[in-house]
Amino acid sequence: MDFGDDGKDAYVRTSAIAGGAALAIGDEVEYEVEEGERRPKAKNARKL
């Protein structure tokens, strides 16, 4: 999952995806980012 224009990645847990949808490479998503213990992580992810 691409994290904005700076090219950094954000970790996405399945539980962070609305409705429990699965993501595939290339899927477009909308999400918020919060700091995780080791790296940024996505929350409130939604497949577009």
PDB file of N, CA and C in Angstrom:
ATOM      1  N   MET A   1       0.855  -1.164   0.000  1.00  0.00           N
ATOM      2  CA  MET A   1       0.000   0.000   0.000  1.00  0.00           C
ATOM      3  C   MET A   1       0.899   1.223   0.000  1.00  0.00           C
ATOM      4  N   ASP A   2       0.704   2.112  -0.913  1.00  0.00           N
ATOM      5  CA  ASP A   2       1.527   3.316  -0.998  1.00  0.00           C
ATOM      6  C   ASP A   2       1.035   4.350  -0.006  1.00  0.00           C
ATOM      7  N   PHE A   3       1.971   5.011   0.625  1.00  0.00           N
ATOM      8  CA  PHE A   3       1.667   6.003   1.650  1.00  0.00           C
ATOM      9  C   PHE A   3       1.973   7.392   1.113  1.00  0.00           C
ATOM     10  N   GLY A   4       1.063   7.908   0.305  1.00  0.00           N
ATOM     11  CA  GLY A   4       1.177   9.269  -0.177  1.00  0.00           C
ATOM     12  C   GLY A   4       2.250   9.472  -1.231  1.00  0.00           C
ATOM     13  N   ASP A   5       2.601  10.725  -1.454  1.00  0.00           N
ATOM     14  CA  ASP A   5       3.549  11.099  -2.487  1.00  0.00           C
ATOM     15  C   ASP A   5       4.992  10.840  -2.113  1.00  0.00           C
ATOM     16  N   ASP A   6       5.273  10.578  -0.832  1.00  0.00           N
ATOM     17  CA  ASP A   6       6.662  10.381  -0.420  1.00  0.00           C
ATOM     18  C   ASP A   6       7.149   8.955  -0.650  1.00  0.00           C
ATOM     19  N   GLY A   7       6.258   8.049  -1.106  1.00  0.00           N
ATOM     20  CA  GLY A   7       6.647   6.699  -1.455  1.00  0.00           C
ATOM     21  C   GLY A   7       6.817   5.741  -0.298  1.00  0.00           C
ATOM     22  N   LYS A   8       6.519   6.143   0.922  1.00  0.00           N
ATOM     23  CA  LYS A   8       6.628   5.258   2.072  1.00  0.00           C
ATOM     24  C   LYS A   8       5.430   4.315   2.127  1.00  0.00           C
ATOM     25  N   ASP A   9       5.630   3.175   2.768  1.00  0.00           N
ATOM     26  CA  ASP A   9       4.564   2.196   2.905  1.00  0.00           C
ATOM     27  C   ASP A   9       3.871   2.325   4.245  1.00  0.00           C
ATOM     28  N   ALA A  10       2.614   1.917   4.278  1.00  0.00           N
ATOM     29  CA  ALA A  10       1.850   1.838   5.522  1.00  0.00           C
ATOM     30  C   ALA A  10       1.359   0.404   5.656  1.00  0.00           C
ATOM     31  N   TYR A  11       1.489  -0.167   6.841  1.00  0.00           N
ATOM     32  CA  TYR A  11       1.050  -1.531   7.107  1.00  0.00           C
ATOM     33  C   TYR A  11      -0.464  -1.561   7.236  1.00  0.00           C
ATOM     34  N   VAL A  12      -1.104  -2.545   6.602  1.00  0.00           N
ATOM     35  CA  VAL A  12      -2.558  -2.668   6.662  1.00  0.00           C
ATOM     36  C   VAL A  12      -2.933  -4.039   7.194  1.00  0.00           C
ATOM     37  N   ARG A  13      -3.638  -4.071   8.304  1.00  0.00           N
ATOM     38  CA  ARG A  13      -4.176  -5.330   8.835  1.00  0.00           C
ATOM     39  C   ARG A  13      -5.546  -5.541   8.218  1.00  0.00           C
ATOM     40  N   THR A  14      -5.919  -6.782   8.039  1.00  0.00           N
ATOM     41  CA  THR A  14      -7.236  -7.096   7.483  1.00  0.00           C
ATOM     42  C   THR A  14      -8.337  -6.451   8.304  1.00  0.00           C
ATOM     43  N   SER A  15      -8.159  -6.396   9.613  1.00  0.00           N
ATOM     44  CA  SER A  15      -9.182  -5.809  10.485  1.00  0.00           C
ATOM     45  C   SER A  15      -9.356  -4.308  10.265  1.00  0.00           C
ATOM     46  N   ALA A  16      -8.396  -3.655   9.589  1.00  0.00           N
ATOM     47  CA  ALA A  16      -8.497  -2.217   9.334  1.00  0.00           C
ATOM     48  C   ALA A  16      -9.296  -1.908   8.079  1.00  0.00           C
ATOM     49  N   ILE A  17      -9.682  -2.940   7.325  1.00  0.00           N
ATOM     50  CA  ILE A  17     -10.398  -2.740   6.072  1.00  0.00           C
ATOM     51  C   ILE A  17     -11.901  -2.824   6.332  1.00  0.00           C
ATOM     52  N   ALA A  18     -12.605  -1.777   5.948  1.00  0.00           N
ATOM     53  CA  ALA A  18     -14.047  -1.722   6.165  1.00  0.00           C
ATOM     54  C   ALA A  18     -14.734  -2.917   5.517  1.00  0.00           C
ATOM     55  N   GLY A  19     -15.588  -3.568   6.269  1.00  0.00           N
ATOM     56  CA  GLY A  19     -16.339  -4.701   5.759  1.00  0.00           C
ATOM     57  C   GLY A  19     -15.522  -5.966   5.612  1.00  0.00           C
ATOM     58  N   GLY A  20     -14.260  -5.943   6.041  1.00  0.00           N
ATOM     59  CA  GLY A  20     -13.407  -7.117   5.961  1.00  0.00           C
ATOM     60  C   GLY A  20     -13.019  -7.502   4.546  1.00  0.00           C
ATOM     61  N   ALA A  21     -13.129  -6.562   3.600  1.00  0.00           N
ATOM     62  CA  ALA A  21     -12.787  -6.853   2.203  1.00  0.00           C
ATOM     63  C   ALA A  21     -11.316  -7.230   2.073  1.00  0.00           C
ATOM     64  N   ALA A  22     -11.012  -8.095   1.161  1.00  0.00           N
ATOM     65  CA  ALA A  22      -9.623  -8.466   0.875  1.00  0.00           C
ATOM     66  C   ALA A  22      -9.061  -7.487  -0.145  1.00  0.00           C
ATOM     67  N   LEU A  23      -7.773  -7.215  -0.052  1.00  0.00           N
ATOM     68  CA  LEU A  23      -7.114  -6.341  -1.011  1.00  0.00           C
ATOM     69  C   LEU A  23      -6.188  -7.152  -1.898  1.00  0.00           C
ATOM     70  N   ALA A  24      -6.097  -6.759  -3.143  1.00  0.00           N
ATOM     71  CA  ALA A  24      -5.173  -7.359  -4.093  1.00  0.00           C
ATOM     72  C   ALA A  24      -4.188  -6.293  -4.546  1.00  0.00           C
ATOM     73  N   ILE A  25      -3.050  -6.724  -5.030  1.00  0.00           N
ATOM     74  CA  ILE A  25      -2.054  -5.775  -5.541  1.00  0.00           C
ATOM     75  C   ILE A  25      -2.705  -4.929  -6.620  1.00  0.00           C
ATOM     76  N   GLY A  26      -2.538  -3.631  -6.509  1.00  0.00           N
ATOM     77  CA  GLY A  26      -3.098  -2.698  -7.475  1.00  0.00           C
ATOM     78  C   GLY A  26      -4.446  -2.122  -7.106  1.00  0.00           C
ATOM     79  N   ASP A  27      -5.095  -2.664  -6.054  1.00  0.00           N
ATOM     80  CA  ASP A  27      -6.368  -2.097  -5.611  1.00  0.00           C
ATOM     81  C   ASP A  27      -6.158  -0.679  -5.101  1.00  0.00           C
ATOM     82  N   GLU A  28      -7.094   0.188  -5.402  1.00  0.00           N
ATOM     83  CA  GLU A  28      -7.050   1.546  -4.880  1.00  0.00           C
ATOM     84  C   GLU A  28      -7.825   1.587  -3.576  1.00  0.00           C
ATOM     85  N   VAL A  29      -7.236   2.250  -2.581  1.00  0.00           N
ATOM     86  CA  VAL A  29      -7.869   2.356  -1.273  1.00  0.00           C
ATOM     87  C   VAL A  29      -7.743   3.764  -0.734  1.00  0.00           C
ATOM     88  N   GLU A  30      -8.624   4.070   0.187  1.00  0.00           N
ATOM     89  CA  GLU A  30      -8.592   5.336   0.922  1.00  0.00           C
ATOM     90  C   GLU A  30      -8.399   4.941   2.379  1.00  0.00           C
ATOM     91  N   TYR A  31      -7.541   5.646   3.108  1.00  0.00           N
ATOM     92  CA  TYR A  31      -7.261   5.275   4.481  1.00  0.00           C
ATOM     93  C   TYR A  31      -6.658   6.429   5.255  1.00  0.00           C
ATOM     94  N   GLU A  32      -6.662   6.295   6.564  1.00  0.00           N
ATOM     95  CA  GLU A  32      -5.994   7.228   7.460  1.00  0.00           C
ATOM     96  C   GLU A  32      -4.733   6.540   7.960  1.00  0.00           C
ATOM     97  N   VAL A  33      -3.749   7.311   8.373  1.00  0.00           N
ATOM     98  CA  VAL A  33      -2.493   6.733   8.851  1.00  0.00           C
ATOM     99  C   VAL A  33      -2.280   7.124  10.306  1.00  0.00           C
ATOM    100  N   GLU A  34      -1.842   6.144  11.091  1.00  0.00           N
ATOM    101  CA  GLU A  34      -1.455   6.414  12.475  1.00  0.00           C
ATOM    102  C   GLU A  34      -0.108   5.740  12.716  1.00  0.00           C
ATOM    103  N   GLU A  35       0.620   6.198  13.704  1.00  0.00           N
ATOM    104  CA  GLU A  35       1.908   5.610  14.037  1.00  0.00           C
ATOM    105  C   GLU A  35       1.704   4.285  14.747  1.00  0.00           C
ATOM    106  N   GLY A  36       2.324   3.245  14.241  1.00  0.00           N
ATOM    107  CA  GLY A  36       2.309   1.947  14.887  1.00  0.00           C
ATOM    108  C   GLY A  36       3.545   1.808  15.763  1.00  0.00           C
ATOM    109  N   GLU A  37       3.709   0.650  16.385  1.00  0.00           N
ATOM    110  CA  GLU A  37       4.879   0.426  17.236  1.00  0.00           C
ATOM    111  C   GLU A  37       6.173   0.472  16.442  1.00  0.00           C
ATOM    112  N   ARG A  38       6.164  -0.098  15.228  1.00  0.00           N
ATOM    113  CA  ARG A  38       7.386  -0.164  14.428  1.00  0.00           C
ATOM    114  C   ARG A  38       7.355   0.668  13.160  1.00  0.00           C
ATOM    115  N   ARG A  39       6.169   0.993  12.672  1.00  0.00           N
ATOM    116  CA  ARG A  39       6.041   1.714  11.404  1.00  0.00           C
ATOM    117  C   ARG A  39       4.636   2.301  11.291  1.00  0.00           C
ATOM    118  N   PRO A  40       4.438   3.235  10.347  1.00  0.00           N
ATOM    119  CA  PRO A  40       3.081   3.754  10.144  1.00  0.00           C
ATOM    120  C   PRO A  40       2.144   2.622   9.759  1.00  0.00           C
ATOM    121  N   LYS A  41       0.877   2.731  10.190  1.00  0.00           N
ATOM    122  CA  LYS A  41      -0.103   1.727   9.811  1.00  0.00           C
ATOM    123  C   LYS A  41      -1.396   2.416   9.390  1.00  0.00           C
ATOM    124  N   ALA A  42      -2.125   1.733   8.529  1.00  0.00           N
ATOM    125  CA  ALA A  42      -3.391   2.278   8.035  1.00  0.00           C
ATOM    126  C   ALA A  42      -4.511   1.943   8.993  1.00  0.00           C
ATOM    127  N   LYS A  43      -5.492   2.822   9.053  1.00  0.00           N
ATOM    128  CA  LYS A  43      -6.720   2.547   9.796  1.00  0.00           C
ATOM    129  C   LYS A  43      -7.868   3.087   8.967  1.00  0.00           C
ATOM    130  N   ASN A  44      -9.043   2.550   9.208  1.00  0.00           N
ATOM    131  CA  ASN A  44     -10.247   2.957   8.463  1.00  0.00           C
ATOM    132  C   ASN A  44     -10.023   2.858   6.948  1.00  0.00           C
ATOM    133  N   ALA A  45      -9.386   1.775   6.505  1.00  0.00           N
ATOM    134  CA  ALA A  45      -9.144   1.574   5.077  1.00  0.00           C
ATOM    135  C   ALA A  45     -10.441   1.195   4.382  1.00  0.00           C
ATOM    136  N   ARG A  46     -10.592   1.704   3.173  1.00  0.00           N
ATOM    137  CA  ARG A  46     -11.795   1.430   2.393  1.00  0.00           C
ATOM    138  C   ARG A  46     -11.392   1.231   0.949  1.00  0.00           C
ATOM    139  N   LYS A  47     -11.759   0.091   0.390  1.00  0.00           N
ATOM    140  CA  LYS A  47     -11.466  -0.199  -1.017  1.00  0.00           C
ATOM    141  C   LYS A  47     -12.341   0.683  -1.887  1.00  0.00           C
ATOM    142  N   LEU A  48     -11.743   1.336  -2.864  1.00  0.00           N
ATOM    143  CA  LEU A  48     -12.484   2.229  -3.766  1.00  0.00           C
ATOM    144  C   LEU A  48     -13.021   1.498  -4.967  1.00  0.00           C
TER     145      LEU A  48
END
